[in-house]
Protein backbone atom coordinates (compact mmCIF):
# COMPACT_ATOMS: atom_id res chain seq x y z
CA MET A 1 -0.73 9.28 27.53
CA GLN A 2 -3.46 6.66 27.17
CA LYS A 3 -2.33 3.29 25.79
CA ILE A 4 -3.83 2.05 22.52
CA LYS A 5 -5.92 -1.04 23.33
CA LYS A 6 -8.51 -1.03 20.52
CA ALA A 7 -8.21 -1.49 16.76
CA ILE A 8 -10.49 -1.47 13.74
CA ILE A 9 -9.70 -3.63 10.69
CA PRO A 10 -11.80 -2.63 7.67
CA ALA A 11 -12.35 -5.79 5.62
CA ALA A 12 -15.53 -5.07 3.68
CA GLY A 13 -14.16 -4.48 0.16
CA MET A 14 -15.21 -6.72 -2.73
CA GLY A 15 -11.66 -7.50 -3.91
CA THR A 16 -12.37 -6.66 -7.55
CA ARG A 17 -8.64 -6.38 -8.34
CA VAL A 18 -8.05 -10.04 -7.53
CA LEU A 19 -11.09 -11.57 -9.24
CA PRO A 20 -11.96 -14.36 -9.86
CA ALA A 21 -10.13 -15.58 -6.73
CA SER A 22 -12.24 -13.29 -4.54
CA LYS A 23 -15.60 -14.23 -6.10
CA ALA A 24 -16.49 -16.68 -3.30
CA VAL A 25 -13.48 -16.34 -0.97
CA PRO A 26 -12.89 -12.94 0.74
CA LYS A 27 -9.55 -11.47 -0.36
CA GLU A 28 -8.64 -11.15 3.31
CA MET A 29 -8.76 -14.96 3.52
CA LEU A 30 -6.34 -15.55 0.62
CA ASN A 31 -3.29 -17.38 1.92
CA ILE A 32 0.24 -16.20 2.48
CA VAL A 33 1.89 -19.63 2.60
CA ASP A 34 -0.15 -21.27 5.37
CA LYS A 35 -2.16 -18.45 6.98
CA PRO A 36 -4.83 -16.14 5.60
CA ALA A 37 -3.76 -12.53 5.09
CA ILE A 38 -6.06 -11.18 7.80
CA GLN A 39 -4.47 -13.39 10.45
CA TYR A 40 -1.13 -11.68 9.88
CA ILE A 41 -2.86 -8.35 10.44
CA VAL A 42 -4.56 -9.48 13.66
CA GLU A 43 -1.31 -10.98 14.94
CA GLU A 44 0.46 -7.67 14.29
CA ALA A 45 -2.17 -5.80 16.30
CA VAL A 46 -1.90 -8.25 19.18
CA ALA A 47 1.92 -8.04 19.19
CA ALA A 48 1.54 -4.25 19.52
CA GLY A 49 -0.55 -4.62 22.69
CA ILE A 50 -4.02 -4.36 21.16
CA GLU A 51 -6.60 -6.27 23.20
CA ASP A 52 -9.94 -5.55 21.47
CA ILE A 53 -10.32 -5.76 17.68
CA LEU A 54 -13.32 -4.90 15.53
CA ILE A 55 -13.30 -6.41 12.03
CA VAL A 56 -15.64 -4.57 9.66
CA THR A 57 -16.97 -7.06 7.10
CA SER A 58 -19.75 -7.20 4.52
CA ARG A 59 -22.16 -9.70 3.06
CA GLY A 60 -20.60 -13.05 2.16
CA LYS A 61 -17.60 -12.74 4.53
CA GLY A 62 -18.80 -14.96 7.37
CA VAL A 63 -15.83 -17.24 6.77
CA ILE A 64 -13.64 -14.58 8.44
CA GLU A 65 -15.70 -14.97 11.62
CA ASP A 66 -15.41 -18.74 11.37
CA HIS A 67 -11.62 -18.52 11.09
CA PHE A 68 -11.29 -16.66 14.38
CA ASP A 69 -13.73 -18.97 16.19
CA HIS A 70 -13.02 -22.38 17.71
CA ALA A 71 -13.44 -25.30 15.26
CA TYR A 72 -14.34 -27.92 17.86
CA GLU A 73 -14.64 -30.86 15.46
CA LEU A 74 -11.27 -30.13 13.89
CA GLU A 75 -9.58 -29.52 17.21
CA ALA A 76 -11.03 -32.81 18.56
CA LYS A 77 -9.58 -34.72 15.59
CA LEU A 78 -6.15 -33.14 16.04
CA GLU A 79 -5.95 -33.35 19.82
CA GLY A 80 -3.71 -36.12 21.04
CA LYS A 81 -2.72 -37.26 17.54
CA LYS A 82 0.97 -38.09 17.23
CA GLY A 83 2.76 -35.62 14.98
CA LYS A 84 -0.16 -33.18 15.10
CA GLU A 85 0.67 -31.50 18.40
CA LYS A 86 2.06 -28.30 16.88
CA ILE A 87 -0.74 -27.72 14.35
CA TYR A 88 -3.31 -28.48 17.09
CA GLU A 89 -1.88 -25.70 19.28
CA GLU A 90 -1.70 -23.31 16.33
CA VAL A 91 -5.30 -23.92 15.26
CA LYS A 92 -6.62 -23.69 18.80
CA ALA A 93 -4.69 -20.45 19.53
CA ILE A 94 -6.33 -18.56 16.61
CA ALA A 95 -9.58 -18.19 18.59
CA ASP A 96 -7.75 -16.76 21.60
CA LEU A 97 -5.57 -14.17 19.87
CA ALA A 98 -7.68 -11.25 21.15
CA ASN A 99 -11.23 -10.17 21.90
CA ILE A 100 -12.42 -10.03 18.30
CA CYS A 101 -15.79 -8.55 17.37
CA PHE A 102 -17.46 -8.17 13.98
CA ILE A 103 -19.82 -5.69 12.35
CA ARG A 104 -21.11 -5.43 8.82
CA GLN A 105 -20.66 -2.38 6.64
CA LYS A 106 -24.00 -2.63 4.88
CA GLU A 107 -23.04 -0.19 2.15
CA THR A 108 -19.57 0.07 0.64
CA LYS A 109 -19.05 3.80 1.05
CA GLY A 110 -15.31 3.94 1.55
CA LEU A 111 -12.71 3.61 4.28
CA GLY A 112 -13.95 6.55 6.31
CA HIS A 113 -17.45 5.08 6.44
CA ALA A 114 -16.02 1.67 7.46
CA VAL A 115 -14.10 3.26 10.34
CA LEU A 116 -17.24 5.15 11.39
CA CYS A 117 -18.97 1.78 11.82
CA GLY A 118 -16.67 1.29 14.81
CA LYS A 119 -17.61 4.44 16.70
CA SER A 120 -19.59 2.74 19.47
CA PHE A 121 -16.98 -0.03 19.73
CA VAL A 122 -14.14 2.46 20.30
CA GLY A 123 -15.93 4.92 22.56
CA ASN A 124 -13.81 7.74 23.95
CA GLU A 125 -10.40 6.13 23.38
CA PRO A 126 -7.59 6.46 20.88
CA PHE A 127 -7.54 3.56 18.43
CA ALA A 128 -5.60 1.92 15.66
CA VAL A 129 -6.79 1.28 12.10
CA LEU A 130 -5.13 -1.56 10.21
CA TYR A 131 -6.24 -1.70 6.57
CA GLY A 132 -7.45 -5.15 5.56
CA ASP A 133 -5.60 -5.02 2.23
CA ASP A 134 -2.18 -4.39 3.75
CA VAL A 135 -0.01 -7.06 5.30
CA ILE A 136 3.21 -5.61 6.73
CA ILE A 137 5.97 -7.97 7.81
CA SER A 138 8.37 -6.58 10.42
CA ASP A 139 10.27 -7.84 13.47
CA ASP A 140 8.98 -4.70 15.22
CA PRO A 141 5.20 -4.58 14.60
CA VAL A 142 4.35 -1.46 12.64
CA THR A 143 1.27 -0.81 14.72
CA GLY A 144 3.58 -0.82 17.76
CA GLN A 145 5.89 1.69 16.04
CA LEU A 146 2.91 4.01 15.54
CA CYS A 147 1.67 3.49 19.10
CA ARG A 148 5.00 4.64 20.46
CA ALA A 149 4.85 7.81 18.34
CA TYR A 150 1.30 8.50 19.56
CA GLU A 151 2.31 8.05 23.18
CA LYS A 152 5.35 10.37 22.74
CA TYR A 153 3.77 13.21 20.76
CA GLY A 154 0.07 12.89 21.75
CA CYS A 155 -1.02 13.26 18.14
CA GLY A 156 -2.74 11.08 15.56
CA THR A 157 -0.14 9.08 13.63
CA VAL A 158 -0.03 7.57 10.14
CA GLY A 159 2.34 4.91 8.81
CA VAL A 160 4.00 6.04 5.57
CA LYS A 161 6.54 5.00 2.98
CA GLU A 162 7.97 6.77 -0.05
CA VAL A 163 6.47 5.39 -3.26
CA SER A 164 7.00 6.23 -6.93
CA ARG A 165 5.47 9.40 -8.36
CA GLU A 166 3.03 7.33 -10.37
CA ASP A 167 2.00 5.21 -7.38
CA VAL A 168 1.42 8.19 -5.11
CA LYS A 169 -1.44 9.21 -7.43
CA LYS A 170 -3.20 5.96 -6.49
CA TYR A 171 -2.88 6.64 -2.74
CA CYS A 172 -2.43 10.04 -1.20
CA SER A 173 0.30 12.68 -0.98
CA LEU A 174 1.47 14.19 2.30
CA ASP A 175 3.01 17.56 3.03
CA VAL A 176 5.57 16.72 5.72
CA THR A 177 8.57 18.16 7.53
CA PRO A 178 11.11 16.19 9.63
CA LEU A 179 10.42 16.02 13.36
CA GLU A 180 12.73 13.43 14.91
CA GLY A 181 14.33 10.30 13.50
CA ASN A 182 11.82 8.63 11.22
CA VAL A 183 8.92 10.74 12.53
CA MET A 184 7.58 13.71 10.55
CA GLN A 185 4.98 16.41 11.13
CA VAL A 186 2.08 16.22 8.66
CA HIS A 187 0.67 19.55 7.44
CA ASN A 188 -1.70 18.44 4.69
CA ILE A 189 -2.98 15.38 2.84
CA VAL A 190 -4.39 15.12 -0.69
CA GLU A 191 -6.22 11.90 -1.63
CA LYS A 192 -5.44 10.54 -5.10
CA PRO A 193 -3.56 13.71 -6.17
CA THR A 194 -3.12 14.93 -9.70
CA GLU A 195 0.44 15.57 -10.89
CA GLU A 196 0.14 19.23 -9.84
CA GLN A 197 -1.18 18.35 -6.37
CA ILE A 198 1.70 16.04 -5.34
CA MET A 199 3.41 17.53 -2.27
CA SER A 200 5.74 14.59 -1.63
CA CYS A 201 5.94 10.91 -2.52
CA TYR A 202 5.17 9.90 1.06
CA ALA A 203 1.88 8.00 1.13
CA ILE A 204 -0.15 6.43 3.93
CA LEU A 205 0.19 2.66 3.62
CA GLY A 206 -2.13 0.67 5.77
CA ARG A 207 -1.66 1.78 9.39
CA VAL A 208 -3.17 4.71 11.33
CA ILE A 209 -3.58 5.73 15.00
CA LEU A 210 -6.38 8.21 15.65
CA PRO A 211 -7.67 10.11 18.70
CA PRO A 212 -11.36 9.67 19.58
CA GLU A 213 -12.29 13.10 18.17
CA ALA A 214 -11.49 11.72 14.71
CA PHE A 215 -15.03 10.30 14.59
CA ARG A 216 -16.49 13.80 14.72
CA MET A 217 -14.16 14.84 11.91
CA ILE A 218 -15.19 11.85 9.80
CA GLU A 219 -18.87 12.67 10.36
CA GLU A 220 -18.30 16.26 9.25
CA THR A 221 -16.40 15.21 6.11
CA PRO A 222 -18.39 15.27 2.84
CA TYR A 223 -18.53 12.21 0.60
CA ASP A 224 -16.46 12.44 -2.59
CA ALA A 225 -18.67 13.76 -5.41
CA LYS A 226 -17.20 11.43 -8.03
CA SER A 227 -16.81 8.12 -6.18
CA GLY A 228 -19.50 8.55 -3.53
CA GLU A 229 -17.00 7.35 -0.93
CA LEU A 230 -15.97 8.87 2.39
CA TYR A 231 -12.18 9.05 2.41
CA LEU A 232 -10.48 8.66 5.80
CA SER A 233 -7.58 10.78 4.58
CA ASP A 234 -9.94 13.71 3.93
CA ALA A 235 -11.07 13.55 7.55
CA MET A 236 -7.47 13.48 8.78
CA VAL A 237 -6.70 16.72 6.98
CA ASN A 238 -8.28 18.59 9.91
CA LEU A 239 -5.89 16.90 12.29
CA ALA A 240 -2.94 17.78 10.05
CA LYS A 241 -3.90 21.43 9.70
CA ALA A 242 -4.33 21.70 13.46
CA GLY A 243 -0.79 20.39 13.98
CA LYS A 244 -2.12 17.16 15.51
CA LEU A 245 -0.87 14.55 13.06
CA THR A 246 2.53 12.91 12.69
CA ALA A 247 3.83 10.36 10.19
CA VAL A 248 6.16 7.43 10.88
CA ASP A 249 8.34 6.17 8.02
CA PHE A 250 7.89 2.67 9.35
CA ASN A 251 10.33 -0.23 9.30
CA GLY A 252 8.70 -3.18 7.54
CA VAL A 253 7.85 -4.68 4.19
CA ARG A 254 4.30 -3.97 3.02
CA TYR A 255 2.34 -6.24 0.69
CA ASP A 256 -0.80 -5.10 -1.11
CA MET A 257 -3.12 -8.11 -0.75
CA GLY A 258 -5.72 -6.46 -3.00
CA ASN A 259 -3.28 -6.75 -5.89
CA LYS A 260 -2.30 -9.96 -7.76
CA LEU A 261 1.39 -9.07 -7.87
CA GLY A 262 1.34 -8.13 -4.22
CA ILE A 263 -0.11 -11.52 -3.29
CA LEU A 264 2.58 -13.30 -5.33
CA LYS A 265 5.37 -11.25 -3.74
CA ALA A 266 4.03 -11.90 -0.24
CA ASN A 267 3.84 -15.65 -0.78
CA CYS A 268 7.29 -15.82 -2.33
CA GLU A 269 9.14 -13.70 0.24
CA VAL A 270 7.39 -15.13 3.28
CA ALA A 271 7.90 -18.68 2.00
CA LEU A 272 11.66 -18.06 1.68
CA LYS A 273 11.83 -17.33 5.44
CA HIS A 274 9.36 -19.99 6.52
CA GLU A 275 10.92 -22.50 8.95
CA GLU A 276 9.11 -25.46 7.42
CA VAL A 277 9.43 -24.86 3.66
CA GLY A 278 12.01 -22.04 3.35
CA GLU A 279 15.11 -24.01 2.34
CA ASP A 280 13.28 -26.35 -0.03
CA PHE A 281 11.49 -23.42 -1.65
CA LYS A 282 14.76 -21.52 -2.10
CA ALA A 283 16.33 -24.54 -3.81
CA TYR A 284 13.24 -24.89 -6.02
CA LEU A 285 13.42 -21.22 -7.10
CA LYS A 286 17.12 -21.49 -7.92
CA GLU A 287 16.36 -24.36 -10.29
CA LEU A 288 13.25 -22.74 -11.67
CA VAL A 289 14.94 -19.50 -12.75
CA LYS A 290 17.41 -21.50 -14.81
CA THR A 291 14.57 -22.52 -17.10
CA PHE A 292 13.45 -18.96 -17.93
């Protein structure tokens, strides 16, 4: 089975749920402690063996490109400075994480349309999709967990978790049956289901592996009449109904970086485990909660 070497990261959304923070700064560049959210996503892809990454952006998001480029003036100021050796290496390494390319989604027409922007980049290969809103922290990269399932079963694979019945209405609902361990067979998907359409509380949360023929399915999928968007999950229904889609109940903690509470949770929980500030932050929180 062909190894997954390419990934698309859709990062073109306007971030309306986190305004005004995202008015001038892309939500993907909002920090989790000391790194922007999108760097965590890129690092996950690289840790899973991805070599080529396409980030789909939109107008006003050039700062994302700058972040993954060399900053020669900054690097020159840090190089050789006593006490700055570690941060110099970290800053310099960002530009060399992977072969990162960029393309603009000139119209915000949904996740399916954003993925379709990467058709020529991917070519005739299987590929990963890592949603730009979703940072997932795990010792075993979630993209890697999905890649292993793809290589074993030869099917498209989606990363899922069980969510509350109310939350599943915001995402999608999957009709699944157990296959092996934490892997399930997917039979159907309903995007943003009504109460009557809920098949399970398993929802796709931020990670997908697709075969190259998925592009044809996306192109053949109609845009949603109400929103005008092209939903990726609608395109994946064809894979599911053909018995060519599995779901992995992944190991990892997912943070919704398009949500104010999700950003706060990510910063708090990552900070508690951070080697530089973790212990001091823990002590601070213990004192802080006494005052509330």
